Protein backbone atom coordinates (compact mmCIF):
# COMPACT_ATOMS: atom_id res chain seq x y z
CA MET A 1 -30.67 0.37 4.62
CA ASN A 2 -27.66 2.45 3.23
CA THR A 3 -25.24 4.45 4.80
CA LEU A 4 -26.81 7.93 4.36
CA GLU A 5 -30.24 6.47 5.81
CA ARG A 6 -28.40 5.22 8.52
CA LEU A 7 -27.18 8.49 9.65
CA ARG A 8 -30.65 10.20 9.69
CA HIS A 9 -32.27 7.02 11.58
CA ASP A 10 -29.87 4.85 13.53
CA GLY A 11 -29.10 5.48 17.23
CA ILE A 12 -26.43 8.15 17.74
CA GLY A 13 -24.35 5.92 20.17
CA LYS A 14 -24.46 2.99 17.72
CA LEU A 15 -23.37 5.14 14.66
CA LEU A 16 -20.59 6.96 16.75
CA TRP A 17 -19.12 3.59 17.75
CA GLU A 18 -19.25 2.17 14.30
CA LEU A 19 -17.91 5.33 12.67
CA SER A 20 -15.30 6.08 15.45
CA LEU A 21 -13.78 2.94 15.84
CA PRO A 22 -12.09 2.85 12.32
CA ALA A 23 -11.44 6.63 12.60
CA ILE A 24 -9.72 6.12 15.90
CA VAL A 25 -7.73 3.15 14.68
CA GLY A 26 -6.72 5.30 11.38
CA THR A 27 -5.66 8.32 13.30
CA VAL A 28 -3.86 6.17 15.62
CA VAL A 29 -1.94 4.63 12.81
CA ASN A 30 -1.31 8.07 11.12
CA ALA A 31 0.15 9.22 14.38
CA LEU A 32 2.74 6.06 14.45
CA TYR A 33 4.08 7.43 11.30
CA ASN A 34 6.10 10.17 13.84
CA VAL A 35 6.25 7.81 16.54
CA VAL A 36 7.97 4.82 14.59
CA ASP A 37 10.13 7.55 12.82
CA ARG A 38 11.64 8.68 16.11
CA LEU A 39 11.92 5.48 17.64
CA PHE A 40 14.02 4.01 15.07
CA ILE A 41 15.69 7.55 14.44
CA GLY A 42 16.41 7.66 18.45
CA GLN A 43 17.69 4.18 18.72
CA GLY A 44 19.65 4.18 15.26
CA CYS A 45 21.10 7.82 15.08
CA GLY A 46 21.15 9.25 18.54
CA ARG A 47 19.65 12.32 20.34
CA ASP A 48 21.02 14.93 17.88
CA ALA A 49 18.89 13.34 15.15
CA ILE A 50 15.71 13.19 17.30
CA ALA A 51 16.12 16.90 17.85
CA GLY A 52 16.78 17.51 14.05
CA VAL A 53 13.44 15.73 13.19
CA ALA A 54 11.79 18.01 15.94
CA LEU A 55 13.37 20.81 14.28
CA ALA A 56 11.72 19.90 11.04
CA PHE A 57 8.28 19.65 12.72
CA PRO A 58 7.37 23.19 11.96
CA PHE A 59 8.12 22.82 8.26
CA MET A 60 5.88 19.82 8.10
CA MET A 61 3.14 21.48 9.86
CA ILE A 62 2.96 24.00 7.32
CA LEU A 63 2.64 21.30 4.65
CA VAL A 64 -0.06 19.55 6.78
CA ALA A 65 -1.96 22.98 7.08
CA PHE A 66 -2.40 23.01 3.51
CA GLY A 67 -3.33 19.80 3.28
CA THR A 68 -6.12 20.16 6.07
CA LEU A 69 -7.32 22.99 4.54
CA ILE A 70 -8.77 21.27 1.68
CA GLY A 71 -9.06 17.91 3.08
CA ILE A 72 -11.09 18.80 6.38
CA GLY A 73 -13.22 21.66 4.29
CA SER A 74 -14.10 19.13 1.52
CA GLY A 75 -15.02 16.49 4.04
CA ALA A 76 -17.46 18.78 5.90
CA LEU A 77 -18.97 20.00 2.71
CA LEU A 78 -19.33 16.53 1.22
CA SER A 79 -21.21 15.42 4.23
CA ILE A 80 -23.59 18.48 4.18
CA LYS A 81 -24.21 17.91 0.09
CA LEU A 82 -24.99 14.09 0.85
CA GLY A 83 -27.36 15.17 3.82
CA GLU A 84 -28.94 17.34 1.02
CA ARG A 85 -29.25 14.16 -1.27
CA ASN A 86 -27.11 16.07 -3.88
CA ARG A 87 -24.80 13.51 -5.30
CA VAL A 88 -23.46 15.59 -8.14
CA ASP A 89 -22.34 18.23 -6.08
CA ALA A 90 -20.73 15.82 -3.78
CA GLU A 91 -18.75 14.50 -6.79
CA LYS A 92 -17.45 17.77 -7.50
CA VAL A 93 -16.35 18.21 -4.08
CA LEU A 94 -14.34 15.10 -4.36
CA GLY A 95 -12.61 16.11 -7.92
CA GLN A 96 -11.81 19.53 -6.53
CA CYS A 97 -10.07 18.13 -3.54
CA VAL A 98 -7.65 16.23 -5.84
CA ALA A 99 -7.26 19.21 -8.09
CA VAL A 100 -6.38 21.50 -5.37
CA LYS A 101 -4.02 18.95 -4.18
CA LEU A 102 -2.18 19.08 -7.20
CA ILE A 103 -1.72 22.33 -7.21
CA PHE A 104 -0.04 22.17 -3.76
CA PHE A 105 2.08 19.49 -5.04
CA VAL A 106 3.45 21.76 -7.78
CA THR A 107 4.02 24.95 -5.64
CA LEU A 108 4.48 23.69 -1.97
CA PRO A 109 7.59 21.85 -2.35
CA VAL A 110 9.47 24.27 -4.59
CA ILE A 111 9.10 27.08 -2.10
CA GLY A 112 10.10 25.00 0.93
CA LEU A 113 13.42 23.92 -0.69
CA LEU A 114 14.06 27.49 -1.64
CA PHE A 115 13.62 28.80 1.93
CA LEU A 116 14.88 25.69 3.81
CA ASP A 117 18.30 26.93 4.90
CA THR A 118 16.94 30.37 5.78
CA LEU A 119 14.17 29.27 8.02
CA LEU A 120 15.73 26.32 9.87
CA PRO A 121 17.92 28.48 11.88
CA LEU A 122 14.78 30.87 12.57
CA PHE A 123 12.89 27.88 14.03
CA GLY A 124 15.19 27.41 16.65
CA GLY A 125 17.84 25.29 15.23
CA THR A 126 21.09 24.30 17.16
CA PRO A 127 24.26 23.46 15.47
CA GLU A 128 23.86 19.95 16.49
CA ALA A 129 20.42 19.50 15.06
CA LEU A 130 20.63 21.44 11.87
CA PRO A 131 22.27 19.01 9.59
CA TYR A 132 19.62 16.17 10.32
CA ALA A 133 16.86 18.72 9.86
CA ARG A 134 18.06 19.52 6.42
CA ASP A 135 18.63 15.82 5.51
CA TYR A 136 15.29 14.82 6.56
CA LEU A 137 13.23 17.66 4.83
CA ARG A 138 14.84 17.74 1.53
CA ILE A 139 13.42 14.20 1.07
CA ILE A 140 10.16 14.70 3.06
CA LEU A 141 9.35 17.55 0.52
CA TYR A 142 9.22 15.28 -2.66
CA GLY A 143 6.61 13.12 -1.06
CA ASN A 144 4.38 15.93 -0.37
CA LEU A 145 1.71 15.03 -3.03
CA PHE A 146 1.40 11.39 -1.62
CA SER A 147 0.78 12.57 1.83
CA HIS A 148 -1.79 15.26 0.72
CA LEU A 149 -3.73 12.75 -1.07
CA SER A 150 -3.43 9.93 1.60
CA PHE A 151 -4.81 11.99 4.15
CA GLY A 152 -7.07 14.29 2.28
CA LEU A 153 -9.07 11.11 0.56
CA SER A 154 -9.17 9.17 3.73
CA ASN A 155 -10.70 12.04 5.25
CA LEU A 156 -13.36 12.24 2.51
CA MET A 157 -14.17 8.22 2.95
CA ARG A 158 -14.94 9.23 6.54
CA ALA A 159 -17.02 11.83 5.68
CA GLU A 160 -19.15 9.97 3.27
CA GLY A 161 -19.63 7.26 6.04
CA ASN A 162 -17.06 4.72 4.85
CA ALA A 163 -15.17 4.58 8.10
CA HIS A 164 -13.45 1.28 7.55
CA SER A 165 -12.10 1.97 4.08
CA SER A 166 -10.58 5.24 5.61
CA MET A 167 -8.87 2.78 8.21
CA ARG A 168 -7.58 0.43 5.65
CA CYS A 169 -6.20 3.40 3.95
CA MET A 170 -4.11 4.67 6.84
CA LEU A 171 -3.33 1.19 7.86
CA VAL A 172 -1.69 0.17 4.44
CA GLY A 173 0.94 3.31 4.94
CA ALA A 174 1.51 2.75 8.62
CA VAL A 175 2.29 -0.96 8.05
CA ALA A 176 4.49 0.20 5.14
CA ASN A 177 6.44 2.65 7.27
CA THR A 178 7.13 0.30 10.18
CA LEU A 179 8.74 -2.20 7.93
CA LEU A 180 10.67 0.26 5.49
CA ASP A 181 11.88 2.56 8.71
CA PRO A 182 14.18 -0.16 10.12
CA LEU A 183 15.22 -1.60 6.59
CA PHE A 184 16.26 1.92 5.45
CA ILE A 185 18.04 3.11 8.99
CA PHE A 186 19.61 0.02 9.83
CA GLY A 187 19.84 -2.47 7.05
CA PHE A 188 20.72 0.17 4.42
CA GLY A 189 22.63 2.46 6.89
CA MET A 190 20.79 5.53 5.41
CA GLY A 191 20.10 6.94 9.04
CA VAL A 192 17.65 9.81 8.78
CA ALA A 193 17.34 10.14 4.97
CA GLY A 194 16.18 6.52 5.19
CA ALA A 195 13.39 7.28 7.58
CA ALA A 196 12.36 10.08 4.97
CA TRP A 197 12.56 7.68 2.14
CA ALA A 198 10.55 5.17 3.96
CA THR A 199 7.78 7.63 4.82
CA ASN A 200 7.32 8.92 1.36
CA LEU A 201 7.18 5.21 -0.13
CA ALA A 202 4.54 4.27 2.82
CA MET A 203 2.37 7.48 1.87
CA ALA A 204 2.86 6.67 -2.05
CA LEU A 205 1.21 3.19 -1.05
CA SER A 206 -1.75 4.67 1.13
CA ALA A 207 -2.66 7.16 -1.52
CA LEU A 208 -2.62 4.37 -4.23
CA TYR A 209 -5.30 2.55 -2.07
CA ALA A 210 -7.34 5.73 -1.64
CA PHE A 211 -7.37 6.10 -5.57
CA HIS A 212 -8.32 2.45 -6.05
CA HIS A 213 -11.49 3.11 -3.54
CA TYR A 214 -12.75 6.07 -5.21
CA LEU A 215 -12.35 4.36 -8.89
CA SER A 216 -14.18 1.37 -7.79
CA ARG A 217 -17.77 0.85 -6.98
CA ASN A 218 -17.13 0.59 -3.19
CA SER A 219 -17.58 4.33 -2.57
CA VAL A 220 -20.67 6.46 -2.27
CA VAL A 221 -19.16 9.22 -4.91
CA ARG A 222 -17.10 8.26 -7.57
CA LEU A 223 -14.21 10.12 -8.62
CA ARG A 224 -14.52 10.93 -12.33
CA LEU A 225 -11.79 12.52 -14.46
CA ARG A 226 -14.19 15.21 -15.61
CA ARG A 227 -14.86 16.50 -12.20
CA ILE A 228 -11.18 17.04 -11.30
CA ARG A 229 -11.03 20.72 -11.40
CA ILE A 230 -11.74 23.99 -9.44
CA TYR A 231 -15.47 25.02 -8.86
CA PRO A 232 -15.57 28.71 -7.87
CA ARG A 233 -18.95 28.39 -5.92
CA MET A 234 -17.38 25.51 -3.83
CA ILE A 235 -13.74 26.46 -3.31
CA GLY A 236 -15.11 29.38 -0.99
CA PRO A 237 -17.04 27.02 1.32
CA VAL A 238 -14.53 24.64 1.45
CA PHE A 239 -11.83 27.13 2.32
CA ALA A 240 -14.03 28.77 5.01
CA ILE A 241 -14.67 25.45 6.79
CA GLY A 242 -11.07 24.47 6.31
CA LEU A 243 -9.61 27.58 7.56
CA SER A 244 -10.10 26.71 11.23
CA PRO A 245 -7.94 23.25 11.16
CA PHE A 246 -5.61 25.14 8.65
CA ILE A 247 -4.86 28.01 11.40
CA ILE A 248 -4.62 25.04 14.19
CA GLN A 249 -1.84 23.54 12.10
CA LEU A 250 -0.14 26.72 11.28
CA MET A 251 -0.25 27.76 15.07
CA ALA A 252 0.89 24.40 15.82
CA GLY A 253 4.10 24.88 13.89
CA ALA A 254 4.25 28.47 15.38
CA VAL A 255 4.09 26.86 18.91
CA ASN A 256 6.76 24.53 18.20
CA ILE A 257 9.12 27.12 16.82
CA ALA A 258 8.51 29.17 20.17
CA PHE A 259 9.35 26.06 22.24
CA ASN A 260 12.63 25.53 20.34
CA ARG A 261 13.64 29.23 20.37
CA SER A 262 12.81 29.50 24.16
CA PHE A 263 14.94 26.39 25.03
CA LEU A 264 17.64 27.81 22.90
CA ARG A 265 17.45 30.97 24.98
CA TRP A 266 17.05 29.64 28.41
CA ALA A 267 18.97 26.26 28.41
CA ALA A 268 22.53 26.45 29.71
CA ASP A 269 24.29 25.86 26.19
CA THR A 270 23.14 24.67 22.67
CA GLN A 271 23.89 21.12 23.84
CA ALA A 272 21.48 21.36 26.90
CA ALA A 273 18.97 23.10 24.42
CA THR A 274 19.33 20.57 21.88
CA VAL A 275 18.61 17.88 24.78
CA GLU A 276 15.34 19.86 25.57
CA ILE A 277 14.57 20.10 22.10
CA ALA A 278 14.75 16.23 21.49
CA ALA A 279 12.70 15.77 24.74
CA MET A 280 10.02 18.28 23.22
CA GLY A 281 10.02 16.06 19.90
CA ILE A 282 9.52 12.98 21.88
CA ALA A 283 6.72 14.47 24.13
CA ASN A 284 5.13 15.77 21.12
CA SER A 285 4.91 12.30 19.40
CA VAL A 286 3.86 10.53 22.41
CA THR A 287 1.11 13.01 23.20
CA PHE A 288 -0.02 13.22 19.60
CA LEU A 289 -0.37 9.46 19.50
CA LEU A 290 -2.29 9.14 23.00
CA LEU A 291 -4.60 11.81 21.64
CA MET A 292 -5.47 10.30 18.38
CA PRO A 293 -8.71 8.55 19.94
CA ILE A 294 -9.95 11.64 20.65
CA PHE A 295 -9.36 13.00 17.11
CA GLY A 296 -10.74 9.65 15.76
CA LEU A 297 -13.80 10.10 18.08
CA THR A 298 -14.41 13.66 16.76
CA GLN A 299 -13.99 12.33 13.03
CA GLY A 300 -16.60 9.80 13.84
CA MET A 301 -19.21 12.57 15.21
CA GLN A 302 -18.48 14.72 12.14
CA PRO A 303 -20.61 12.68 9.24
CA ILE A 304 -23.39 12.30 11.98
CA VAL A 305 -23.44 16.10 12.81
CA GLY A 306 -22.85 17.44 9.28
CA TYR A 307 -25.41 15.12 7.84
CA ASN A 308 -28.00 15.67 10.21
CA HIS A 309 -27.30 19.39 10.24
CA GLY A 310 -27.89 19.36 6.32
CA ALA A 311 -31.03 17.58 6.98
CA ARG A 312 -32.11 19.83 9.68
CA ARG A 313 -32.32 17.25 12.68
CA MET A 314 -30.83 19.53 15.23
CA ASP A 315 -31.95 16.97 17.85
CA ARG A 316 -29.53 14.46 16.61
CA VAL A 317 -26.84 17.09 15.97
CA LYS A 318 -27.08 17.76 19.63
CA ASP A 319 -27.24 14.15 21.14
CA ALA A 320 -23.88 13.37 19.04
CA TYR A 321 -22.06 16.40 20.07
CA LEU A 322 -22.68 15.97 23.80
CA LEU A 323 -22.21 12.16 23.86
CA THR A 324 -18.67 12.75 22.08
CA MET A 325 -17.79 15.46 24.40
CA LYS A 326 -18.50 12.95 27.40
CA LEU A 327 -16.53 10.15 25.94
CA ALA A 328 -13.82 12.34 24.86
CA THR A 329 -13.61 13.94 28.51
CA ALA A 330 -13.44 10.49 30.13
CA PHE A 331 -10.65 9.22 27.72
CA CYS A 332 -8.35 12.58 28.52
CA VAL A 333 -8.54 11.82 32.04
CA CYS A 334 -7.23 8.18 31.63
CA ILE A 335 -4.22 9.80 29.42
CA SER A 336 -3.47 12.25 31.74
CA LEU A 337 -3.03 9.66 34.45
CA ALA A 338 -1.32 6.95 32.14
CA VAL A 339 1.41 9.55 31.46
CA LEU A 340 2.18 10.56 34.92
CA ALA A 341 2.47 6.80 35.94
CA THR A 342 4.61 5.73 32.92
CA ALA A 343 6.55 8.48 31.85
CA GLY A 344 10.07 7.04 32.24
CA PRO A 345 9.39 3.85 30.28
CA ILE A 346 7.87 5.49 27.77
CA ILE A 347 10.90 7.65 27.17
CA ARG A 348 13.26 4.76 27.53
CA CYS A 349 11.51 3.31 24.29
CA PHE A 350 13.26 6.04 22.39
CA THR A 351 16.68 6.75 23.89
CA ALA A 352 19.18 5.14 26.12
CA ASP A 353 20.96 8.88 26.67
CA PRO A 354 21.01 9.68 30.23
CA ALA A 355 20.47 13.43 29.78
CA LEU A 356 17.55 12.93 27.14
CA LEU A 357 16.12 10.25 29.57
CA ALA A 358 16.03 12.45 32.58
CA ALA A 359 14.72 15.56 30.53
CA GLY A 360 12.40 13.69 28.69
CA ALA A 361 10.45 11.98 31.68
CA ARG A 362 10.27 15.21 33.69
CA GLY A 363 9.03 17.14 30.61
CA LEU A 364 6.37 14.64 29.41
CA ARG A 365 5.06 14.52 33.04
CA LEU A 366 4.62 18.24 33.09
CA TYR A 367 3.68 18.44 29.52
CA ALA A 368 0.50 16.05 30.08
CA CYS A 369 -0.34 17.01 33.87
CA LEU A 370 -3.61 18.83 32.57
CA PHE A 371 -4.50 16.58 29.51
CA ALA A 372 -7.75 15.64 31.40
CA VAL A 373 -9.35 19.21 30.49
CA ILE A 374 -8.90 19.43 26.92
CA GLY A 375 -11.51 16.94 25.33
CA VAL A 376 -14.09 19.84 25.43
CA PRO A 377 -12.10 22.51 23.30
CA ILE A 378 -11.12 19.42 20.85
CA VAL A 379 -14.83 18.30 20.43
CA THR A 380 -16.12 21.92 20.28
CA ILE A 381 -13.68 22.74 17.73
CA THR A 382 -14.73 19.99 15.37
CA TYR A 383 -18.47 20.48 16.01
CA PHE A 384 -18.19 24.05 14.71
CA GLN A 385 -16.11 22.84 11.47
CA SER A 386 -18.71 20.28 10.74
CA VAL A 387 -21.97 22.41 10.96
CA GLY A 388 -20.47 25.09 8.53
CA ARG A 389 -19.64 27.60 11.26
CA PRO A 390 -15.85 27.72 11.15
CA LEU A 391 -15.47 31.05 12.62
CA LEU A 392 -15.97 30.08 16.23
CA GLY A 393 -13.59 27.12 15.79
CA ILE A 394 -11.13 29.40 14.47
CA LEU A 395 -11.30 31.69 17.19
CA LEU A 396 -11.08 28.81 20.06
CA SER A 397 -8.26 27.54 18.11
CA MET A 398 -6.34 30.95 18.13
CA LEU A 399 -7.24 31.51 21.93
CA ARG A 400 -5.43 28.30 22.97
CA GLN A 401 -2.24 28.64 20.77
CA MET A 402 -1.72 32.36 19.95
CA GLY A 403 -3.80 33.83 22.81
CA LEU A 404 -2.33 31.86 25.73
CA LEU A 405 0.19 29.29 24.80
CA ILE A 406 2.97 31.30 22.92
CA PRO A 407 2.73 34.28 25.57
CA LEU A 408 3.00 31.96 28.21
CA ILE A 409 6.05 30.01 26.53
CA LEU A 410 7.75 33.52 26.65
CA LEU A 411 6.34 34.70 29.90
CA LEU A 412 6.75 31.65 32.50
CA PRO A 413 10.56 30.87 31.79
CA ARG A 414 11.37 34.41 33.02
CA PHE A 415 10.39 32.84 36.36
CA TRP A 416 11.16 29.33 36.43
CA GLY A 417 13.51 28.95 33.39
CA VAL A 418 13.40 25.71 31.50
CA THR A 419 10.63 24.33 33.55
CA GLY A 420 8.41 27.25 32.83
CA ILE A 421 8.69 26.28 29.01
CA TRP A 422 7.33 23.21 29.78
CA LEU A 423 4.47 24.32 32.31
CA ALA A 424 3.20 26.83 29.61
CA ALA A 425 1.06 23.78 27.88
CA PRO A 426 -0.83 22.83 30.87
CA VAL A 427 -1.60 26.16 31.92
CA SER A 428 -2.90 27.02 28.66
CA ASP A 429 -4.94 23.84 28.50
CA LEU A 430 -6.68 24.81 31.76
CA LEU A 431 -7.66 28.17 30.68
CA SER A 432 -8.65 27.57 27.18
CA SER A 433 -10.97 24.58 28.45
CA ALA A 434 -12.52 27.16 31.01
CA ILE A 435 -13.49 29.73 28.26
CA THR A 436 -14.42 26.63 25.94
CA LEU A 437 -17.23 25.80 28.73
CA ILE A 438 -18.86 29.09 28.16
CA VAL A 439 -18.95 28.62 24.43
CA VAL A 440 -20.63 25.09 25.17
CA ALA A 441 -23.05 26.73 27.57
CA SER A 442 -24.27 29.18 24.88
CA GLU A 443 -24.60 26.40 22.18
CA LEU A 444 -26.67 24.25 24.48
CA ARG A 445 -28.98 27.39 25.03
CA ARG A 446 -29.13 27.51 21.31
CA PHE A 447 -30.37 23.82 21.09
CA LYS A 448 -33.04 24.41 23.57
CA GLU A 449 -34.51 27.38 21.53
CA ALA A 450 -34.51 25.16 18.21
CA ALA A 451 -36.19 22.13 20.04
CA PRO A 452 -39.88 21.56 18.64
């Protein structure tokens, strides 16, 4: 039985396990880029350098947002086209994905370099962190094409049911980055610039693997030169589906800016603000890594839900959605408990600086104390993307980030100072999850009405 027939007929639990496991490995490996960079930067360059890389994070989120816009949208549309058994349109989706990413490569780095020195101070940069952020970003921008192609094409591999190939694509880059980081930072003495060059080279190797996959006979759809162009009737649906994760990434950058600027305002001085910004950078990397299994789980759900939605098998869509939500919630509970118990040892992996150790352990515990509740919104947002209903996904994303988190970042420090800034994340997690449960109840009623 081929991959597409298995999406239609195999048991949901078995499919979710088989598709999610490599996706989890792939997403965890993806997150290791940031964690490995900050581990070696923290040990080799110090806390100001960690703060500089954290300051660069909003800029990188803008680049990731544009990659996600086409990558996630193309992946969801590819699954739907395969569910409709339309192989020609599926190949067009793949070709268009490559074409748009080439356009992004020509435009985004130029714009980024042009406004780099203007935007970094506005992002909450302290005098201690700014030089490191500039050095890092001026190099990372040159590798924009490789990261876009690597992440975008690996997402399409998952969407066509080739989850193991997607995992290997991410593994190639992550292993290369882990090996190159210490070589460039310590061996060549390049510091933060070395970490940036290591990441670029690792992304290039990952992109080469992705192209090899789609030019071989291992893929469900083939990359053909004549298909690499924009298709007006397809670009709209791709952007519509990808708009929700695009906004999520942009809002992640906006949230990071709000954190940085609030630390700069409420900390005792710029050095204290730099410590808090560095601590937030570590906390973001750690929690991003810990949450990757949840995102891998939802990526495993995506082709099941997308294909069966295209095939009008709504019973299987419901089963995949609910099973994924239960597993994600159970895992989030484990994450929250683990972070509360081991925050101190986690931070010590990144730094030996006493001030950063204290701020990081305290901040990480506050930041992750209510992770137990966020599985529901993460799964639900991906579900709506996968069935071609991006508006609800966009609204749920905006609710947590723009509607709750940023206002709380601005409000809570008026009462509790720097502690209030850290508390904004768990409070917004709790409120957004409660509202998402209302949407879930409505969707379950829709499933019941659609039942034969």
